Protein backbone atom coordinates (compact mmCIF):
# COMPACT_ATOMS: atom_id res chain seq x y z
CA MET A 1 -14.92 32.30 -18.05
CA PHE A 2 -11.43 31.09 -17.19
CA ASP A 3 -8.31 31.62 -19.24
CA VAL A 4 -7.09 28.14 -18.35
CA ILE A 5 -8.54 25.03 -16.73
CA VAL A 6 -6.03 22.41 -15.58
CA VAL A 7 -7.23 18.85 -14.99
CA GLY A 8 -5.14 16.95 -12.43
CA ALA A 9 -3.20 18.34 -9.46
CA GLY A 10 -0.06 16.22 -9.77
CA PRO A 11 3.35 17.83 -10.42
CA ALA A 12 2.55 18.65 -14.08
CA GLY A 13 -0.89 20.11 -13.37
CA SER A 14 0.09 22.16 -10.33
CA MET A 15 3.18 23.52 -12.07
CA ALA A 16 1.09 24.50 -15.11
CA ALA A 17 -1.53 26.19 -12.91
CA LYS A 18 1.16 28.00 -10.89
CA THR A 19 2.94 29.25 -14.01
CA CYS A 20 -0.30 30.45 -15.61
CA ALA A 21 -1.41 32.24 -12.44
CA GLU A 22 1.98 33.88 -11.94
CA ASN A 23 1.57 35.37 -15.41
CA GLY A 24 -1.78 36.91 -14.48
CA LEU A 25 -4.14 34.37 -16.03
CA LYS A 26 -7.42 33.33 -14.45
CA VAL A 27 -6.89 29.64 -13.65
CA LEU A 28 -8.96 26.77 -12.33
CA LEU A 29 -7.13 23.63 -11.14
CA ILE A 30 -9.33 20.59 -10.49
CA GLU A 31 -8.47 17.24 -8.90
CA LYS A 32 -10.86 14.31 -8.87
CA ARG A 33 -9.59 12.86 -5.58
CA GLN A 34 -10.49 14.33 -2.22
CA GLU A 35 -6.82 14.60 -1.22
CA ILE A 36 -4.05 15.89 -3.46
CA GLY A 37 -1.02 13.60 -3.49
CA THR A 38 -2.82 10.35 -2.65
CA PRO A 39 -2.57 7.58 -3.43
CA VAL A 40 1.14 7.69 -4.26
CA ARG A 41 1.76 5.70 -7.45
CA CYS A 42 5.42 6.46 -7.79
CA ALA A 43 8.77 5.37 -6.36
CA GLU A 44 9.20 9.09 -5.52
CA GLY A 45 12.77 9.54 -6.75
CA ILE A 46 14.12 12.65 -8.51
CA SER A 47 17.51 14.27 -9.04
CA LYS A 48 18.38 17.48 -7.23
CA GLN A 49 18.92 19.25 -10.52
CA GLY A 50 15.52 18.21 -11.85
CA LEU A 51 13.87 19.59 -8.73
CA LYS A 52 15.85 22.78 -8.21
CA ARG A 53 15.00 24.03 -11.72
CA PHE A 54 11.43 24.76 -10.67
CA VAL A 55 10.96 24.82 -6.90
CA GLU A 56 12.82 25.91 -3.81
CA ILE A 57 13.69 22.76 -1.88
CA ASP A 58 11.89 22.33 1.43
CA ARG A 59 13.08 19.57 3.76
CA LYS A 60 9.48 18.89 4.82
CA TRP A 61 8.90 16.94 1.64
CA ILE A 62 12.32 15.27 1.36
CA ALA A 63 12.14 11.75 2.81
CA ALA A 64 15.74 10.81 2.03
CA GLU A 65 18.82 12.01 0.19
CA VAL A 66 20.95 9.47 -1.66
CA ILE A 67 24.49 9.66 -3.01
CA GLY A 68 24.24 6.93 -5.62
CA ALA A 69 22.52 3.89 -7.06
CA LYS A 70 23.32 0.17 -7.07
CA ILE A 71 22.14 -1.98 -9.98
CA TYR A 72 22.09 -5.77 -9.75
CA ALA A 73 22.24 -8.12 -12.72
CA PRO A 74 20.24 -11.39 -12.61
CA ASP A 75 23.25 -13.26 -11.14
CA GLY A 76 23.82 -10.58 -8.49
CA THR A 77 26.68 -8.73 -10.21
CA GLU A 78 26.68 -5.21 -8.79
CA ILE A 79 27.14 -1.93 -10.64
CA THR A 80 27.55 1.17 -8.49
CA MET A 81 26.80 4.66 -9.75
CA ALA A 82 27.78 7.58 -7.53
CA GLU A 83 27.92 11.30 -8.13
CA GLU A 84 31.58 12.16 -7.59
CA MET A 85 30.97 15.86 -7.11
CA ALA A 86 28.09 15.16 -4.69
CA GLY A 87 25.94 18.13 -5.53
CA ASN A 88 24.00 18.48 -8.73
CA GLU A 89 22.80 15.02 -9.67
CA VAL A 90 22.50 13.11 -6.42
CA GLY A 91 18.97 12.13 -5.74
CA PHE A 92 16.08 12.84 -3.45
CA VAL A 93 13.32 10.48 -2.45
CA LEU A 94 10.25 12.63 -1.93
CA GLU A 95 7.21 12.45 0.29
CA ARG A 96 4.83 12.85 -2.63
CA LYS A 97 1.81 13.32 -0.38
CA ILE A 98 3.47 16.43 1.05
CA PHE A 99 5.25 17.53 -2.13
CA ASP A 100 2.16 17.45 -4.36
CA ARG A 101 0.13 19.44 -1.83
CA HIS A 102 2.96 21.94 -1.57
CA LEU A 103 2.88 22.50 -5.34
CA ALA A 104 -0.90 22.90 -5.31
CA ARG A 105 -0.58 25.45 -2.51
CA LEU A 106 2.00 27.36 -4.57
CA ALA A 107 -0.49 27.41 -7.45
CA ALA A 108 -3.21 28.71 -5.12
CA LYS A 109 -0.86 31.29 -3.64
CA ALA A 110 -0.10 32.53 -7.16
CA GLY A 111 -3.83 33.06 -7.71
CA ALA A 112 -5.19 29.79 -9.12
CA GLU A 113 -8.52 28.49 -7.88
CA VAL A 114 -8.01 24.90 -6.66
CA ILE A 115 -10.95 22.51 -6.22
CA VAL A 116 -10.75 18.84 -5.18
CA LYS A 117 -13.34 16.07 -5.55
CA THR A 118 -14.07 17.46 -9.01
CA ALA A 119 -13.94 15.19 -12.05
CA PHE A 120 -13.57 16.24 -15.68
CA ILE A 121 -16.40 14.79 -17.81
CA SER A 122 -16.18 16.31 -21.29
CA PHE A 123 -15.61 19.41 -23.36
CA GLU A 124 -17.33 21.03 -26.31
CA ARG A 125 -15.88 23.66 -28.63
CA ARG A 126 -17.94 26.80 -29.13
CA ASP A 127 -16.76 29.88 -31.00
CA GLY A 128 -13.08 29.14 -30.42
CA ARG A 129 -13.57 28.44 -26.70
CA LEU A 130 -14.33 25.29 -24.71
CA LYS A 131 -17.35 24.48 -22.59
CA VAL A 132 -15.96 22.09 -19.98
CA LYS A 133 -18.35 19.83 -18.11
CA MET A 134 -17.35 18.66 -14.62
CA ARG A 135 -18.90 16.75 -11.76
CA ARG A 136 -18.50 17.73 -8.12
CA MET A 137 -20.26 16.12 -5.16
CA GLY A 138 -22.67 14.41 -7.55
CA GLU A 139 -23.61 17.64 -9.33
CA GLU A 140 -22.62 18.53 -12.89
CA TRP A 141 -21.63 22.03 -13.92
CA GLU A 142 -20.12 23.78 -16.91
CA VAL A 143 -17.34 26.33 -17.11
CA GLU A 144 -16.00 28.14 -20.16
CA THR A 145 -12.26 28.35 -20.83
CA LYS A 146 -9.87 29.42 -23.54
CA ILE A 147 -7.33 26.65 -22.86
CA LEU A 148 -7.62 23.21 -21.27
CA ILE A 149 -4.47 21.54 -19.92
CA GLY A 150 -4.80 17.80 -19.38
CA ALA A 151 -2.51 16.56 -16.61
CA ASP A 152 -4.83 13.70 -15.72
CA GLY A 153 -2.49 10.74 -15.92
CA VAL A 154 -1.60 7.89 -18.21
CA GLU A 155 -5.17 7.19 -19.36
CA SER A 156 -5.89 10.89 -19.79
CA LYS A 157 -9.57 11.46 -20.50
CA VAL A 158 -8.76 14.92 -21.84
CA GLY A 159 -6.16 13.51 -24.22
CA ARG A 160 -8.33 10.71 -25.53
CA MET A 161 -11.35 12.97 -26.06
CA ALA A 162 -9.13 15.44 -27.92
CA GLY A 163 -7.76 12.67 -30.13
CA ILE A 164 -4.16 13.37 -29.07
CA ILE A 165 -3.46 9.98 -27.46
CA ARG A 166 -4.91 6.49 -27.69
CA THR A 167 -5.06 3.50 -25.38
CA LEU A 168 -1.54 2.15 -24.95
CA ARG A 169 -0.50 -1.31 -26.11
CA LYS A 170 0.79 -3.86 -23.60
CA SER A 171 4.33 -3.15 -24.81
CA GLU A 172 3.98 0.59 -24.14
CA ILE A 173 3.00 0.60 -20.48
CA GLU A 174 4.56 -0.77 -17.31
CA SER A 175 2.31 -2.32 -14.68
CA CYS A 176 3.64 -1.45 -11.23
CA ALA A 177 3.10 -2.52 -7.63
CA GLN A 178 4.82 -1.04 -4.60
CA TYR A 179 4.86 -1.60 -0.85
CA LEU A 180 5.82 1.03 1.65
CA MET A 181 7.71 -1.04 4.22
CA SER A 182 9.13 -0.26 7.66
CA ASN A 183 12.14 -1.87 9.42
CA VAL A 184 13.97 -2.45 6.14
CA GLU A 185 17.70 -3.02 6.67
CA ILE A 186 19.58 -1.29 3.81
CA ASP A 187 22.29 1.32 3.35
CA GLU A 188 20.04 4.37 3.01
CA ASN A 189 22.66 6.27 1.01
CA TYR A 190 21.66 4.37 -2.14
CA THR A 191 18.72 3.43 -4.29
CA TYR A 192 18.65 -0.17 -5.51
CA PHE A 193 17.60 -1.65 -8.86
CA TYR A 194 17.28 -5.37 -9.70
CA LEU A 195 17.17 -6.76 -13.24
CA GLY A 196 16.14 -10.12 -14.67
CA ASN A 197 13.70 -11.56 -17.17
CA GLU A 198 12.34 -14.00 -14.59
CA LEU A 199 12.44 -11.49 -11.76
CA ALA A 200 10.77 -8.56 -13.54
CA PRO A 201 9.86 -9.31 -17.18
CA GLY A 202 10.36 -6.16 -19.24
CA GLY A 203 11.07 -4.01 -16.20
CA TYR A 204 12.93 -4.03 -12.89
CA ALA A 205 12.47 -4.15 -9.13
CA TRP A 206 13.54 -1.35 -6.82
CA ILE A 207 14.16 -0.33 -3.23
CA PHE A 208 14.10 3.40 -2.50
CA PRO A 209 14.97 4.46 1.08
CA LYS A 210 12.64 6.88 2.84
CA GLY A 211 14.54 7.36 6.07
CA ASN A 212 14.09 5.81 9.52
CA LYS A 213 14.39 2.29 8.05
CA CYS A 214 11.37 2.82 5.79
CA ALA A 215 11.54 2.16 2.05
CA ASN A 216 9.48 1.96 -1.12
CA VAL A 217 9.87 -1.62 -2.36
CA GLY A 218 8.34 -2.05 -5.79
CA ILE A 219 8.42 -3.63 -9.21
CA GLY A 220 7.39 -2.77 -12.76
CA VAL A 221 6.67 -5.38 -15.43
CA LEU A 222 5.69 -5.17 -19.07
CA PRO A 223 2.28 -6.83 -19.59
CA SER A 224 3.35 -8.06 -23.02
CA LYS A 225 6.11 -10.13 -21.38
CA ALA A 226 4.75 -10.90 -17.90
CA LYS A 227 2.76 -14.04 -17.11
CA ALA A 228 1.15 -12.64 -13.94
CA ASN A 229 0.30 -9.29 -12.36
CA ALA A 230 2.87 -6.95 -10.85
CA LYS A 231 2.00 -7.80 -7.24
CA TYR A 232 2.79 -11.47 -7.91
CA TYR A 233 6.28 -10.55 -9.09
CA LEU A 234 6.73 -8.11 -6.21
CA ASP A 235 5.96 -10.78 -3.62
CA LYS A 236 8.34 -13.20 -5.39
CA PHE A 237 11.08 -10.53 -5.38
CA ILE A 238 10.68 -9.91 -1.65
CA GLU A 239 10.75 -13.64 -0.97
CA LYS A 240 13.80 -14.27 -3.16
CA PHE A 241 15.93 -11.55 -1.58
CA GLY A 242 14.68 -12.10 1.94
CA ILE A 243 13.55 -8.52 2.37
CA GLU A 244 12.24 -8.31 5.90
CA GLY A 245 10.04 -5.55 7.17
CA LYS A 246 6.46 -4.67 7.86
CA ILE A 247 4.19 -3.76 4.96
CA VAL A 248 2.53 -0.43 5.70
CA GLU A 249 0.65 0.10 2.43
CA LEU A 250 0.29 -1.18 -1.12
CA VAL A 251 -0.18 0.95 -4.21
CA CYS A 252 -0.59 -0.19 -7.81
CA GLY A 253 -0.55 1.78 -11.01
CA ALA A 254 0.75 2.11 -14.53
CA VAL A 255 3.59 4.08 -16.14
CA PRO A 256 3.74 4.93 -19.85
CA VAL A 257 6.93 3.79 -21.61
CA TYR A 258 5.81 4.95 -25.03
CA GLY A 259 8.65 7.34 -25.82
CA GLU A 260 8.16 10.68 -27.58
CA ILE A 261 4.68 11.36 -28.94
CA GLU A 262 4.29 13.33 -32.16
CA THR A 263 2.32 16.13 -30.54
CA ALA A 264 0.81 16.93 -27.17
CA VAL A 265 -1.62 19.58 -28.46
CA SER A 266 -4.80 20.17 -30.39
CA ASP A 267 -6.94 23.31 -30.69
CA ASN A 268 -7.34 24.83 -27.19
CA ILE A 269 -5.71 21.81 -25.52
CA MET A 270 -2.28 20.78 -24.20
CA LEU A 271 -1.25 17.61 -22.34
CA ALA A 272 1.51 17.38 -19.74
CA GLY A 273 3.17 14.69 -17.63
CA ASP A 274 1.94 11.10 -17.85
CA ALA A 275 -1.04 12.33 -19.91
CA ALA A 276 1.49 13.11 -22.66
CA TYR A 277 3.54 9.95 -21.97
CA HIS A 278 6.40 12.03 -20.59
CA SER A 279 7.82 9.28 -18.34
CA ASP A 280 11.24 7.87 -19.24
CA PRO A 281 10.91 4.56 -21.17
CA ILE A 282 13.88 2.98 -19.36
CA THR A 283 13.67 4.24 -15.79
CA GLY A 284 9.95 5.03 -15.64
CA GLY A 285 10.86 8.28 -13.86
CA GLY A 286 8.52 11.13 -14.63
CA ILE A 287 8.50 13.79 -11.89
CA ALA A 288 11.21 16.02 -13.37
CA ASN A 289 9.73 15.84 -16.88
CA ALA A 290 6.26 16.54 -15.47
CA LEU A 291 7.46 19.70 -13.72
CA CYS A 292 9.21 20.80 -16.89
CA ALA A 293 6.21 20.11 -19.12
CA GLY A 294 3.84 21.88 -16.73
CA TYR A 295 6.07 24.94 -16.72
CA TYR A 296 6.26 25.08 -20.52
CA ALA A 297 2.51 24.51 -20.87
CA GLY A 298 1.89 27.43 -18.53
CA LYS A 299 4.25 29.70 -20.46
CA VAL A 300 2.67 28.88 -23.82
CA ALA A 301 -0.85 29.26 -22.38
CA TYR A 302 0.07 32.78 -21.29
CA GLU A 303 1.41 33.62 -24.76
CA ALA A 304 -1.71 32.16 -26.40
CA VAL A 305 -4.02 34.25 -24.23
CA LYS A 306 -1.95 37.36 -24.91
CA LYS A 307 -2.13 36.70 -28.68
CA ASN A 308 -5.75 35.48 -28.48
CA ASP A 309 -4.70 32.46 -30.55
CA PHE A 310 -5.64 29.02 -29.18
CA SER A 311 -5.11 27.04 -32.35
CA ALA A 312 -3.06 23.86 -32.46
CA GLY A 313 -0.66 25.69 -34.76
CA PHE A 314 0.13 28.26 -32.09
CA LEU A 315 0.17 25.78 -29.21
CA ARG A 316 2.79 23.70 -30.98
CA LYS A 317 5.26 26.13 -29.46
CA TYR A 318 4.73 23.95 -26.39
CA ASP A 319 5.75 20.85 -28.39
CA GLU A 320 8.91 22.62 -29.50
CA LEU A 321 9.84 23.46 -25.91
CA TRP A 322 9.36 20.07 -24.26
CA LYS A 323 10.78 18.16 -27.22
CA SER A 324 13.98 20.22 -27.25
CA ASP A 325 14.28 19.91 -23.46
CA PHE A 326 13.62 16.20 -22.80
CA GLY A 327 11.66 14.80 -25.76
CA TRP A 328 14.83 13.67 -27.52
CA LYS A 329 15.74 11.63 -24.43
CA LEU A 330 12.36 9.91 -24.53
CA ARG A 331 12.96 9.04 -28.19
CA ARG A 332 16.50 7.77 -27.54
CA ASN A 333 15.62 5.81 -24.41
CA LYS A 334 12.69 4.10 -26.11
CA LYS A 335 15.09 2.73 -28.70
CA LEU A 336 17.48 1.64 -25.96
CA GLN A 337 14.64 0.03 -24.02
CA GLU A 338 13.62 -2.02 -27.05
CA PHE A 339 17.27 -3.08 -27.51
CA PHE A 340 17.69 -4.23 -23.90
CA LEU A 341 14.34 -6.05 -23.90
CA LYS A 342 15.81 -8.46 -26.46
CA LEU A 343 18.68 -9.49 -24.17
CA ASP A 344 18.50 -12.69 -22.14
CA ASP A 345 19.72 -12.94 -18.54
CA GLN A 346 23.04 -14.46 -19.55
CA THR A 347 23.81 -11.47 -21.76
CA LEU A 348 22.72 -9.05 -19.03
CA ASN A 349 25.08 -10.80 -16.61
CA SER A 350 27.95 -10.60 -19.10
CA LEU A 351 27.40 -6.89 -19.72
CA ALA A 352 27.15 -6.17 -15.99
CA LYS A 353 30.42 -8.03 -15.31
CA SER A 354 32.14 -5.98 -18.01
CA ILE A 355 31.56 -2.73 -16.11
CA SER A 356 31.27 -3.94 -12.51
CA GLY A 357 33.80 -2.16 -10.34
CA ARG A 358 34.02 0.84 -12.67
CA ASN A 359 33.78 4.28 -11.10
CA ILE A 360 30.62 5.50 -12.83
CA LYS A 361 30.57 9.13 -11.79
CA GLU A 362 27.09 10.12 -12.90
CA MET A 363 23.64 8.73 -12.12
CA SER A 364 22.24 8.53 -15.64
CA VAL A 365 21.34 6.11 -18.43
CA GLN A 366 23.90 7.80 -20.65
CA ALA A 367 26.71 7.12 -18.17
CA ILE A 368 25.93 3.39 -18.19
CA ILE A 369 25.78 3.27 -21.99
CA VAL A 370 29.18 5.01 -22.25
CA GLU A 371 30.77 2.46 -19.91
CA LEU A 372 29.18 -0.45 -21.74
CA LEU A 373 30.54 0.78 -25.06
CA LYS A 374 34.02 1.23 -23.60
CA SER A 375 34.06 -2.38 -22.40
CA ASN A 376 32.13 -3.91 -25.31
CA PRO A 377 33.32 -2.35 -28.60
CA HIS A 378 31.25 -4.88 -30.54
CA LEU A 379 28.13 -3.04 -29.31
CA VAL A 380 29.16 0.27 -30.86
CA ASP A 381 27.64 -0.39 -34.28
CA LEU A 382 24.47 -1.81 -32.69
CA ILE A 383 23.88 1.04 -30.27
CA LYS A 384 25.17 4.08 -32.20
CA ASN A 385 22.25 3.81 -34.63
CA LEU A 386 19.86 3.93 -31.68
CA LEU A 387 21.33 7.19 -30.44
CA ILE A 388 20.78 9.10 -33.69
C-alpha cells in the first residue's frame, strides 16, 4: 500500500513525489524509460523566477544564462526584449538530462521510492482505493494506492483512462522537431524566435544557446495548418537562414496548446504538467508550470491523506491552486494564440515594425501585448475582450 503513486519522472512528477515525501507520505515514483531526462523533448528554457520558486539553483544543470530574447517577423524585422533589472526574469537554458535526474534524486532523498523501466498499464478502483497495474522488465505487478498522480505527458494514459482528458485535435497540439547543434555562431546572451506562416505554420522556430557554441535549433508547427511534418520545416528554416553547425542529435515530440482544462482531477487521481495540458498556448513553455503543478498536487495529496478523503470533490482544491496561479494565463494566452493565428505575414510584419526599437523591459507575452496596444490603438477593442 502506497499513499501516492506518481507516473512519470519529469519536472511535474518528480516535484509531486518530492513534495509528498517531504510531508511524510509513502510514495512510489515510476518512469517508463530506462534513463530519467532522456530523450529531451523541450527547448529547455525557463525564467529564473520560475525556477527559484521550487529548487535551489545548481550550475551543474544550467547550460546557459540569457539576458533577453530577439523575435523576428517574417520580413526580418527585429524585436528585442531584455530584462532591464537583470535579475528576476532573465532566463536559463537547462541541461534537462541533468536537471530531471536532479529532481528525481531530490524526491528519492525526501523518501520516495523511484523505479525506472516501469510502465503504467491500468488502474481499478476498489473500496475507495486504486489497484494500479504496472509492467517492469516484462513482468506485470499490482500495487495499491490512495492517490494516483499522472505526470505522464501529453498523451497521458492515466488521464485518458480516468476520463479527464481526451485525444487532442490538430489545432490543440504543436508538432515539434529540434536539433542539438554544435559550432553555431550566435550571440549567446539571447534566445531567438522566428515567425512566419510559411516558415512555421501556426508556430515558430527557435534557437536557444547552450554554451560553448552549442544550441537547440527547433521548430513547432500546428498540424491543422502545416502541409508537412515538423522536421521538414526545421530543415527549411536552417537552410533559409544559413545556420551552420554540426547536428549532434534530433528529437521530436508534441506540446499541448489547449489552454486551461476544466478540471485536472477525478476520484483518487490528479494530473500535472503536460498530462494536464499545462504548457503555454503561445510559447509552448511548460517547465515552470509543471514544477508549480507538481508542488500543488503534492500538497493536496498530503491533505487528502490526512483527511482520508480522495474524492474528486476534495481533490478540486488542486484545481483551485493551479488555476489561480497560472491557469488564467493559459486561458488568456489561448485566446491570444487564436487571434494571432488569423494574421497573415504582412500584418505580422506591420505589427513588428510598430514596436521594433522599443525598449521592452520584460521577457513576457504581456509585455509584447502592452507595446502593441500602445502603438496600435485600433487593436484595443479587439484584444481587450480576449484578456477578460
